[in-house]
Protein backbone atom coordinates (compact mmCIF):
# COMPACT_ATOMS: atom_id res chain seq x y z
CA MET A 1 55.90 -39.04 -2.13
CA LYS A 2 52.64 -38.66 -1.67
CA ASN A 3 51.45 -35.64 1.03
CA THR A 4 49.35 -37.77 3.33
CA PRO A 5 47.52 -35.07 5.59
CA GLN A 6 48.05 -35.47 9.62
CA LYS A 7 45.55 -36.44 11.52
CA ALA A 8 44.68 -33.92 14.36
CA PRO A 9 45.45 -35.52 18.01
CA PRO A 10 42.34 -36.61 19.77
CA SER A 11 41.18 -34.20 22.48
CA PRO A 12 41.92 -35.36 25.57
CA GLU A 13 38.04 -33.27 26.39
CA PRO A 14 35.09 -32.20 24.40
CA ARG A 15 35.80 -28.96 22.72
CA THR A 16 33.31 -26.31 20.67
CA VAL A 17 34.20 -24.22 18.19
CA ARG A 18 32.59 -20.83 17.35
CA LEU A 19 30.81 -19.40 14.02
CA PRO A 20 34.28 -17.63 12.52
CA GLU A 21 36.74 -20.85 13.88
CA THR A 22 34.15 -23.37 12.28
CA GLU A 23 34.83 -21.20 9.11
CA ARG A 24 37.94 -20.68 9.38
CA ILE A 25 38.72 -25.09 9.65
CA THR A 26 36.78 -25.37 6.77
CA GLY A 27 37.26 -22.37 4.29
CA LEU A 28 33.26 -22.40 4.10
CA CYS A 29 31.21 -19.19 4.63
CA ASP A 30 27.82 -19.09 7.06
CA MET A 31 25.66 -19.46 4.47
CA THR A 32 27.09 -22.60 2.81
CA LEU A 33 27.44 -24.37 6.36
CA ARG A 34 24.27 -23.52 7.18
CA ARG A 35 22.94 -25.21 3.73
CA LEU A 36 25.01 -28.51 4.49
CA GLU A 37 23.63 -28.55 8.07
CA GLU A 38 20.24 -28.46 6.51
CA ALA A 39 20.73 -31.29 3.65
CA GLY A 40 22.54 -33.28 6.66
CA LYS A 41 26.11 -33.16 4.96
CA PHE A 42 27.81 -30.90 7.95
CA PRO A 43 27.60 -31.56 12.12
CA ARG A 44 24.75 -29.40 12.34
CA ARG A 45 25.54 -26.45 15.58
CA PHE A 46 23.80 -26.61 19.09
CA LYS A 47 22.83 -23.47 21.18
CA LEU A 48 25.65 -22.97 24.45
CA ASN A 49 22.54 -21.62 25.96
CA PRO A 50 19.12 -22.65 25.22
CA ASP A 51 17.66 -19.98 27.22
CA GLY A 52 19.25 -17.96 24.80
CA GLY A 53 16.16 -17.10 22.84
CA PRO A 54 16.50 -17.44 18.66
CA TYR A 55 19.66 -15.63 18.82
CA GLY A 56 21.94 -17.15 21.11
CA ALA A 57 25.45 -18.19 21.19
CA VAL A 58 25.84 -21.54 19.01
CA ALA A 59 29.11 -23.87 18.21
CA HIS A 60 30.09 -26.99 16.62
CA ASP A 61 31.35 -29.73 18.09
CA TYR A 62 35.36 -29.47 17.41
CA GLY A 63 35.67 -33.35 16.79
CA GLU A 64 32.96 -33.53 14.29
CA VAL A 65 33.99 -31.02 12.51
CA LEU A 66 37.88 -32.35 12.18
CA SER A 67 35.96 -36.01 11.31
CA TRP A 68 33.93 -34.10 7.93
CA LEU A 69 37.01 -32.33 6.90
CA GLU A 70 38.56 -35.56 6.82
CA SER A 71 35.81 -37.25 4.96
CA ARG A 72 36.45 -34.97 2.51
CA ARG A 73 39.68 -35.26 2.21
CA ALA A 74 39.29 -38.65 1.87
CA SER A 75 36.75 -38.37 -0.87
CA ARG A 76 39.26 -36.52 -2.71
CA GLU A 77 41.18 -39.83 -3.17
CA VAL A 78 38.61 -41.57 -3.96
CA ALA A 79 37.99 -39.49 -6.73
CA ALA A 80 41.58 -39.55 -8.07
């Protein structure tokens, strides 16, 4: 029997995830996430406070992160 991953139920409202949670969800470190973002291969983070300066809080869109993860799973099945 094939082990099919379950999709997360749609969120009733938009949700953001900060970097530690994004790292936990993906299993990737911050530097790798940054490189993938720069290459256009991972959803870009956005500032939570536009007036927060260069070191202000940032987050990712939870739905975009889950979609990216699902696309990675799908690519595994295509390559097999």
